[in-house]
Amino acid sequence: MSAADALTQKIRGAIPLSEAMRFTIDHLEPGEIRVSAPLEPNINIHGTGFAGSIYSVAILTGWALCTHILDDAGVDAELVVGGAEISYRAPVTSDLECRCGAADDEREAFLAGVRERGKGRLSLEITVGDLPQARLQATFVAIARD
């Protein structure tokens, strides 16, 4: 099983809504992730992407990347969302597709915070769609487990 498949299953097992949304990690590297969820279970009354689903898939995208960074470095930490703000720019008329990445220095600072101070923060920009149709700015906080 690939790392992307294993992480998809971990998230679907821990967060039941992600299973209903059919959240899937399509591409996973140390500093980059792409995910998708089909439009059909995430549709609104206008036949476009439901804003709550767009937000949820985007948050899960960032959470998954942070989880991967922590797991890959062997860092045991609780991960939470410290804050997030989304901007909806255009309707999503096809499957929800999210992307985000973190540069080497951002990942290292995140991990160093957890290792050295017990808490690390990573701010990410997650885009939805090609335009992008939505953009989420989110800060994720990892707190070292004792």
N, C-alpha and C. Protein backbone atom coordinates (compact mmCIF):
# COMPACT_ATOMS: atom_id res chain seq x y z
N MET A 1 0.85 -1.17 0.00
CA MET A 1 0.00 0.00 0.00
C MET A 1 0.90 1.24 0.00
N SER A 2 0.58 2.19 -0.84
CA SER A 2 1.36 3.43 -0.92
C SER A 2 1.13 4.30 0.32
N ALA A 3 2.03 5.24 0.54
CA ALA A 3 1.87 6.17 1.66
C ALA A 3 0.58 6.97 1.51
N ALA A 4 0.23 7.36 0.27
CA ALA A 4 -1.00 8.11 0.03
C ALA A 4 -2.23 7.28 0.38
N ASP A 5 -2.23 6.02 -0.01
CA ASP A 5 -3.36 5.14 0.31
C ASP A 5 -3.47 4.89 1.81
N ALA A 6 -2.32 4.68 2.46
CA ALA A 6 -2.33 4.43 3.91
C ALA A 6 -2.85 5.66 4.66
N LEU A 7 -2.43 6.85 4.26
CA LEU A 7 -2.89 8.06 4.92
C LEU A 7 -4.36 8.32 4.64
N THR A 8 -4.81 8.04 3.42
CA THR A 8 -6.24 8.15 3.10
C THR A 8 -7.05 7.27 4.04
N GLN A 9 -6.61 6.03 4.22
CA GLN A 9 -7.33 5.10 5.09
C GLN A 9 -7.29 5.55 6.54
N LYS A 10 -6.15 6.08 6.99
CA LYS A 10 -6.02 6.58 8.36
C LYS A 10 -7.03 7.71 8.60
N ILE A 11 -7.12 8.64 7.65
CA ILE A 11 -8.04 9.77 7.80
C ILE A 11 -9.48 9.30 7.73
N ARG A 12 -9.79 8.43 6.78
CA ARG A 12 -11.16 7.93 6.68
C ARG A 12 -11.59 7.17 7.92
N GLY A 13 -10.64 6.47 8.55
CA GLY A 13 -10.95 5.74 9.78
C GLY A 13 -11.16 6.65 10.97
N ALA A 14 -10.41 7.74 11.02
CA ALA A 14 -10.47 8.65 12.17
C ALA A 14 -11.54 9.72 12.03
N ILE A 15 -11.88 10.09 10.80
CA ILE A 15 -12.82 11.18 10.56
C ILE A 15 -13.93 10.66 9.63
N PRO A 16 -15.02 10.15 10.20
CA PRO A 16 -16.07 9.51 9.39
C PRO A 16 -16.60 10.37 8.24
N LEU A 17 -16.68 11.68 8.43
CA LEU A 17 -17.17 12.55 7.37
C LEU A 17 -16.31 12.42 6.11
N SER A 18 -15.01 12.20 6.27
CA SER A 18 -14.14 12.09 5.10
C SER A 18 -14.50 10.87 4.25
N GLU A 19 -14.98 9.82 4.89
CA GLU A 19 -15.42 8.63 4.15
C GLU A 19 -16.67 8.96 3.34
N ALA A 20 -17.63 9.65 3.96
CA ALA A 20 -18.87 10.02 3.26
C ALA A 20 -18.58 10.96 2.09
N MET A 21 -17.57 11.83 2.27
CA MET A 21 -17.21 12.78 1.21
C MET A 21 -16.39 12.11 0.10
N ARG A 22 -15.90 10.89 0.39
CA ARG A 22 -15.03 10.11 -0.51
C ARG A 22 -13.70 10.82 -0.77
N PHE A 23 -13.17 11.40 0.31
CA PHE A 23 -11.86 12.05 0.32
C PHE A 23 -10.78 11.03 -0.06
N THR A 24 -9.93 11.41 -1.02
CA THR A 24 -8.85 10.53 -1.47
C THR A 24 -7.59 11.34 -1.71
N ILE A 25 -6.47 10.84 -1.21
CA ILE A 25 -5.18 11.46 -1.49
C ILE A 25 -4.67 10.88 -2.80
N ASP A 26 -4.50 11.74 -3.79
CA ASP A 26 -4.08 11.31 -5.12
C ASP A 26 -2.56 11.37 -5.32
N HIS A 27 -1.90 12.27 -4.60
CA HIS A 27 -0.45 12.46 -4.75
C HIS A 27 0.11 12.93 -3.42
N LEU A 28 1.22 12.32 -2.99
CA LEU A 28 1.81 12.67 -1.70
C LEU A 28 3.32 12.59 -1.79
N GLU A 29 3.95 13.70 -1.47
CA GLU A 29 5.40 13.78 -1.37
C GLU A 29 5.72 14.48 -0.06
N PRO A 30 6.99 14.54 0.35
CA PRO A 30 7.30 15.19 1.63
C PRO A 30 6.73 16.60 1.78
N GLY A 31 6.73 17.39 0.72
CA GLY A 31 6.26 18.76 0.84
C GLY A 31 5.12 19.11 -0.08
N GLU A 32 4.39 18.12 -0.57
CA GLU A 32 3.33 18.40 -1.54
C GLU A 32 2.24 17.34 -1.46
N ILE A 33 1.00 17.80 -1.59
CA ILE A 33 -0.14 16.88 -1.59
C ILE A 33 -1.20 17.37 -2.56
N ARG A 34 -1.89 16.40 -3.17
CA ARG A 34 -3.07 16.68 -3.99
C ARG A 34 -4.14 15.68 -3.57
N VAL A 35 -5.34 16.19 -3.34
CA VAL A 35 -6.45 15.32 -2.95
C VAL A 35 -7.66 15.60 -3.83
N SER A 36 -8.61 14.68 -3.76
CA SER A 36 -9.85 14.89 -4.51
C SER A 36 -11.01 14.27 -3.75
N ALA A 37 -12.19 14.73 -4.11
CA ALA A 37 -13.45 14.18 -3.64
C ALA A 37 -14.46 14.41 -4.76
N PRO A 38 -15.23 13.40 -5.12
CA PRO A 38 -16.18 13.58 -6.21
C PRO A 38 -17.25 14.63 -5.88
N LEU A 39 -17.72 15.30 -6.91
CA LEU A 39 -18.72 16.34 -6.72
C LEU A 39 -20.03 15.78 -6.16
N GLU A 40 -20.46 14.62 -6.65
CA GLU A 40 -21.79 14.09 -6.33
C GLU A 40 -22.13 14.07 -4.84
N PRO A 41 -21.31 13.51 -3.94
CA PRO A 41 -21.72 13.53 -2.53
C PRO A 41 -21.44 14.88 -1.84
N ASN A 42 -20.90 15.83 -2.58
CA ASN A 42 -20.50 17.13 -2.03
C ASN A 42 -21.19 18.29 -2.74
N ILE A 43 -22.39 18.03 -3.22
CA ILE A 43 -23.11 18.98 -4.08
C ILE A 43 -24.11 19.82 -3.25
N ASN A 44 -24.39 21.00 -3.74
CA ASN A 44 -25.39 21.85 -3.08
C ASN A 44 -26.66 21.94 -3.95
N ILE A 45 -27.61 22.77 -3.55
CA ILE A 45 -28.88 22.87 -4.28
C ILE A 45 -28.72 23.50 -5.66
N HIS A 46 -27.58 24.11 -5.93
CA HIS A 46 -27.33 24.74 -7.24
C HIS A 46 -26.60 23.81 -8.20
N GLY A 47 -26.27 22.59 -7.74
CA GLY A 47 -25.55 21.65 -8.58
C GLY A 47 -24.05 21.91 -8.61
N THR A 48 -23.56 22.72 -7.68
CA THR A 48 -22.13 22.99 -7.59
C THR A 48 -21.62 22.52 -6.22
N GLY A 49 -20.33 22.64 -5.99
CA GLY A 49 -19.74 22.18 -4.75
C GLY A 49 -20.32 22.90 -3.53
N PHE A 50 -20.73 22.13 -2.54
CA PHE A 50 -21.25 22.66 -1.28
C PHE A 50 -20.11 23.34 -0.53
N ALA A 51 -20.32 24.57 -0.07
CA ALA A 51 -19.26 25.34 0.59
C ALA A 51 -18.68 24.59 1.79
N GLY A 52 -19.51 23.92 2.56
CA GLY A 52 -19.02 23.16 3.71
C GLY A 52 -18.11 22.02 3.31
N SER A 53 -18.44 21.37 2.21
CA SER A 53 -17.59 20.29 1.70
C SER A 53 -16.27 20.83 1.17
N ILE A 54 -16.35 21.95 0.46
CA ILE A 54 -15.12 22.57 -0.06
C ILE A 54 -14.19 22.90 1.09
N TYR A 55 -14.72 23.52 2.12
CA TYR A 55 -13.92 23.87 3.30
C TYR A 55 -13.35 22.61 3.95
N SER A 56 -14.19 21.60 4.14
CA SER A 56 -13.75 20.37 4.81
C SER A 56 -12.66 19.65 4.03
N VAL A 57 -12.82 19.53 2.72
CA VAL A 57 -11.79 18.85 1.92
C VAL A 57 -10.49 19.65 1.94
N ALA A 58 -10.60 20.98 1.90
CA ALA A 58 -9.39 21.82 1.96
C ALA A 58 -8.69 21.66 3.30
N ILE A 59 -9.43 21.70 4.41
CA ILE A 59 -8.83 21.51 5.74
C ILE A 59 -8.18 20.14 5.83
N LEU A 60 -8.87 19.11 5.36
CA LEU A 60 -8.31 17.76 5.39
C LEU A 60 -7.03 17.66 4.56
N THR A 61 -6.95 18.43 3.49
CA THR A 61 -5.75 18.44 2.66
C THR A 61 -4.55 18.94 3.46
N GLY A 62 -4.72 20.07 4.13
CA GLY A 62 -3.64 20.61 4.95
C GLY A 62 -3.31 19.71 6.13
N TRP A 63 -4.34 19.18 6.77
CA TRP A 63 -4.15 18.29 7.90
C TRP A 63 -3.38 17.04 7.47
N ALA A 64 -3.73 16.51 6.30
CA ALA A 64 -3.04 15.32 5.78
C ALA A 64 -1.57 15.61 5.50
N LEU A 65 -1.27 16.76 4.90
CA LEU A 65 0.13 17.09 4.62
C LEU A 65 0.91 17.23 5.93
N CYS A 66 0.35 17.91 6.91
CA CYS A 66 1.03 18.06 8.20
C CYS A 66 1.23 16.71 8.87
N THR A 67 0.23 15.86 8.82
CA THR A 67 0.34 14.51 9.39
C THR A 67 1.46 13.74 8.72
N HIS A 68 1.54 13.85 7.40
CA HIS A 68 2.59 13.16 6.65
C HIS A 68 3.97 13.68 7.04
N ILE A 69 4.10 14.98 7.18
CA ILE A 69 5.38 15.58 7.58
C ILE A 69 5.80 15.04 8.95
N LEU A 70 4.87 15.03 9.90
CA LEU A 70 5.17 14.52 11.24
C LEU A 70 5.51 13.04 11.22
N ASP A 71 4.70 12.25 10.55
CA ASP A 71 4.93 10.80 10.48
C ASP A 71 6.26 10.48 9.81
N ASP A 72 6.54 11.17 8.71
CA ASP A 72 7.77 10.93 7.95
C ASP A 72 9.01 11.22 8.79
N ALA A 73 8.90 12.20 9.71
CA ALA A 73 10.03 12.57 10.56
C ALA A 73 10.04 11.79 11.88
N GLY A 74 9.05 10.93 12.09
CA GLY A 74 8.98 10.15 13.31
C GLY A 74 8.64 10.99 14.53
N VAL A 75 7.91 12.07 14.35
CA VAL A 75 7.53 12.97 15.44
C VAL A 75 6.12 12.61 15.90
N ASP A 76 5.99 12.29 17.17
CA ASP A 76 4.69 11.92 17.76
C ASP A 76 4.03 13.17 18.33
N ALA A 77 2.96 13.62 17.70
CA ALA A 77 2.31 14.87 18.12
C ALA A 77 0.83 14.83 17.80
N GLU A 78 0.06 15.56 18.59
CA GLU A 78 -1.35 15.81 18.30
C GLU A 78 -1.39 16.96 17.31
N LEU A 79 -2.25 16.88 16.32
CA LEU A 79 -2.34 17.92 15.31
C LEU A 79 -3.74 18.53 15.33
N VAL A 80 -3.79 19.85 15.42
CA VAL A 80 -5.06 20.56 15.42
C VAL A 80 -4.99 21.75 14.46
N VAL A 81 -6.15 22.26 14.10
CA VAL A 81 -6.23 23.47 13.28
C VAL A 81 -6.23 24.65 14.24
N GLY A 82 -5.26 25.55 14.08
CA GLY A 82 -5.17 26.72 14.93
C GLY A 82 -6.02 27.87 14.45
N GLY A 83 -6.31 27.89 13.17
CA GLY A 83 -7.14 28.94 12.58
C GLY A 83 -7.19 28.74 11.09
N ALA A 84 -8.27 29.19 10.48
CA ALA A 84 -8.42 29.05 9.04
C ALA A 84 -9.42 30.06 8.51
N GLU A 85 -9.17 30.50 7.29
CA GLU A 85 -10.08 31.41 6.61
C GLU A 85 -10.12 31.02 5.14
N ILE A 86 -11.32 30.92 4.62
CA ILE A 86 -11.47 30.52 3.22
C ILE A 86 -12.08 31.66 2.41
N SER A 87 -11.67 31.73 1.16
CA SER A 87 -12.23 32.68 0.21
C SER A 87 -12.78 31.88 -0.96
N TYR A 88 -14.09 32.01 -1.20
CA TYR A 88 -14.74 31.33 -2.32
C TYR A 88 -14.75 32.30 -3.49
N ARG A 89 -14.13 31.91 -4.60
CA ARG A 89 -13.94 32.82 -5.72
C ARG A 89 -14.83 32.52 -6.92
N ALA A 90 -15.21 31.25 -7.09
CA ALA A 90 -16.05 30.84 -8.22
C ALA A 90 -16.68 29.50 -7.86
N PRO A 91 -17.81 29.16 -8.47
CA PRO A 91 -18.45 27.88 -8.19
C PRO A 91 -17.55 26.71 -8.61
N VAL A 92 -17.61 25.63 -7.84
CA VAL A 92 -16.92 24.39 -8.19
C VAL A 92 -17.93 23.53 -8.93
N THR A 93 -17.67 23.26 -10.20
CA THR A 93 -18.63 22.55 -11.04
C THR A 93 -18.19 21.13 -11.40
N SER A 94 -17.04 20.71 -10.87
CA SER A 94 -16.55 19.35 -11.10
C SER A 94 -16.03 18.81 -9.78
N ASP A 95 -15.37 17.68 -9.81
CA ASP A 95 -14.85 17.09 -8.58
C ASP A 95 -14.01 18.11 -7.82
N LEU A 96 -14.05 18.01 -6.50
CA LEU A 96 -13.26 18.89 -5.65
C LEU A 96 -11.81 18.41 -5.71
N GLU A 97 -10.91 19.28 -6.10
CA GLU A 97 -9.48 18.95 -6.19
C GLU A 97 -8.71 20.01 -5.43
N CYS A 98 -7.94 19.58 -4.43
CA CYS A 98 -7.18 20.50 -3.59
C CYS A 98 -5.69 20.20 -3.68
N ARG A 99 -4.91 21.27 -3.53
CA ARG A 99 -3.45 21.15 -3.54
C ARG A 99 -2.88 22.04 -2.46
N CYS A 100 -1.74 21.62 -1.94
CA CYS A 100 -0.94 22.51 -1.11
C CYS A 100 0.46 21.95 -0.99
N GLY A 101 1.35 22.82 -0.58
CA GLY A 101 2.73 22.42 -0.41
C GLY A 101 3.39 23.23 0.68
N ALA A 102 4.51 22.72 1.15
CA ALA A 102 5.31 23.40 2.16
C ALA A 102 6.77 23.24 1.77
N ALA A 103 7.49 24.35 1.73
CA ALA A 103 8.90 24.34 1.37
C ALA A 103 9.72 23.64 2.46
N ASP A 104 10.92 23.21 2.09
CA ASP A 104 11.80 22.52 3.03
C ASP A 104 12.00 23.31 4.32
N ASP A 105 12.28 24.60 4.21
CA ASP A 105 12.54 25.40 5.41
C ASP A 105 11.30 25.54 6.29
N GLU A 106 10.12 25.59 5.69
CA GLU A 106 8.87 25.65 6.46
C GLU A 106 8.64 24.35 7.22
N ARG A 107 8.89 23.23 6.55
CA ARG A 107 8.72 21.93 7.20
C ARG A 107 9.71 21.76 8.34
N GLU A 108 10.95 22.17 8.11
CA GLU A 108 11.98 22.03 9.16
C GLU A 108 11.66 22.90 10.37
N ALA A 109 11.18 24.12 10.15
CA ALA A 109 10.82 25.00 11.26
C ALA A 109 9.64 24.41 12.04
N PHE A 110 8.68 23.83 11.35
CA PHE A 110 7.52 23.18 11.97
C PHE A 110 7.98 22.04 12.88
N LEU A 111 8.84 21.17 12.34
CA LEU A 111 9.34 20.03 13.11
C LEU A 111 10.23 20.48 14.27
N ALA A 112 11.06 21.48 14.03
CA ALA A 112 11.94 21.99 15.10
C ALA A 112 11.12 22.55 16.25
N GLY A 113 10.03 23.22 15.95
CA GLY A 113 9.17 23.75 17.01
C GLY A 113 8.64 22.65 17.90
N VAL A 114 8.19 21.55 17.28
CA VAL A 114 7.65 20.44 18.06
C VAL A 114 8.77 19.79 18.88
N ARG A 115 9.89 19.55 18.25
CA ARG A 115 11.00 18.87 18.93
C ARG A 115 11.60 19.72 20.05
N GLU A 116 11.77 21.00 19.81
CA GLU A 116 12.51 21.86 20.75
C GLU A 116 11.62 22.56 21.78
N ARG A 117 10.40 22.92 21.40
CA ARG A 117 9.54 23.66 22.31
C ARG A 117 8.24 22.92 22.64
N GLY A 118 8.04 21.77 22.02
CA GLY A 118 6.83 21.00 22.28
C GLY A 118 5.62 21.43 21.45
N LYS A 119 5.81 22.47 20.61
CA LYS A 119 4.70 22.95 19.78
C LYS A 119 5.26 23.57 18.51
N GLY A 120 4.73 23.15 17.38
CA GLY A 120 5.13 23.72 16.10
C GLY A 120 3.91 24.17 15.32
N ARG A 121 4.10 25.22 14.52
CA ARG A 121 3.01 25.76 13.69
C ARG A 121 3.44 25.73 12.23
N LEU A 122 2.48 25.42 11.39
CA LEU A 122 2.72 25.47 9.95
C LEU A 122 1.53 26.13 9.29
N SER A 123 1.77 27.25 8.61
CA SER A 123 0.72 27.95 7.87
C SER A 123 0.78 27.51 6.42
N LEU A 124 -0.37 27.14 5.90
CA LEU A 124 -0.47 26.62 4.53
C LEU A 124 -1.54 27.36 3.75
N GLU A 125 -1.33 27.42 2.44
CA GLU A 125 -2.37 27.89 1.54
C GLU A 125 -2.81 26.68 0.74
N ILE A 126 -4.09 26.36 0.83
CA ILE A 126 -4.67 25.23 0.11
C ILE A 126 -5.56 25.80 -0.98
N THR A 127 -5.33 25.38 -2.21
CA THR A 127 -6.16 25.85 -3.31
C THR A 127 -7.13 24.76 -3.74
N VAL A 128 -8.31 25.19 -4.18
CA VAL A 128 -9.35 24.28 -4.65
C VAL A 128 -9.62 24.62 -6.11
N GLY A 129 -9.41 23.65 -6.98
CA GLY A 129 -9.67 23.85 -8.40
C GLY A 129 -8.52 24.55 -9.10
N ASP A 130 -8.67 24.71 -10.41
CA ASP A 130 -7.61 25.25 -11.25
C ASP A 130 -7.53 26.77 -11.26
N LEU A 131 -8.62 27.46 -10.96
CA LEU A 131 -8.61 28.92 -11.08
C LEU A 131 -7.72 29.64 -10.06
N PRO A 132 -7.70 29.39 -8.83
CA PRO A 132 -8.51 28.43 -8.06
C PRO A 132 -9.91 28.98 -7.75
N GLN A 133 -10.85 28.04 -7.58
CA GLN A 133 -12.22 28.42 -7.24
C GLN A 133 -12.33 28.83 -5.78
N ALA A 134 -11.45 28.31 -4.95
CA ALA A 134 -11.42 28.69 -3.53
C ALA A 134 -9.98 28.62 -3.05
N ARG A 135 -9.71 29.38 -2.01
CA ARG A 135 -8.37 29.42 -1.42
C ARG A 135 -8.54 29.45 0.11
N LEU A 136 -7.89 28.51 0.78
CA LEU A 136 -7.95 28.43 2.24
C LEU A 136 -6.58 28.73 2.82
N GLN A 137 -6.54 29.68 3.74
CA GLN A 137 -5.33 29.97 4.51
C GLN A 137 -5.54 29.34 5.88
N ALA A 138 -4.67 28.43 6.27
CA ALA A 138 -4.87 27.73 7.54
C ALA A 138 -3.55 27.57 8.27
N THR A 139 -3.63 27.61 9.60
CA THR A 139 -2.48 27.33 10.44
C THR A 139 -2.76 26.06 11.22
N PHE A 140 -1.83 25.13 11.12
CA PHE A 140 -1.93 23.86 11.82
C PHE A 140 -0.93 23.86 12.97
N VAL A 141 -1.33 23.32 14.11
CA VAL A 141 -0.50 23.31 15.30
C VAL A 141 -0.29 21.86 15.73
N ALA A 142 0.98 21.50 15.88
CA ALA A 142 1.34 20.17 16.36
C ALA A 142 1.87 20.31 17.79
N ILE A 143 1.32 19.52 18.69
CA ILE A 143 1.71 19.55 20.09
C ILE A 143 2.29 18.18 20.44
N ALA A 144 3.55 18.19 20.89
CA ALA A 144 4.25 16.94 21.19
C ALA A 144 3.49 16.14 22.24
N ARG A 145 3.42 14.84 22.03
CA ARG A 145 2.83 13.96 23.04
C ARG A 145 3.92 13.62 24.05
N ASP A 146 3.52 13.51 25.31
CA ASP A 146 4.49 13.19 26.36
C ASP A 146 4.95 11.77 26.32
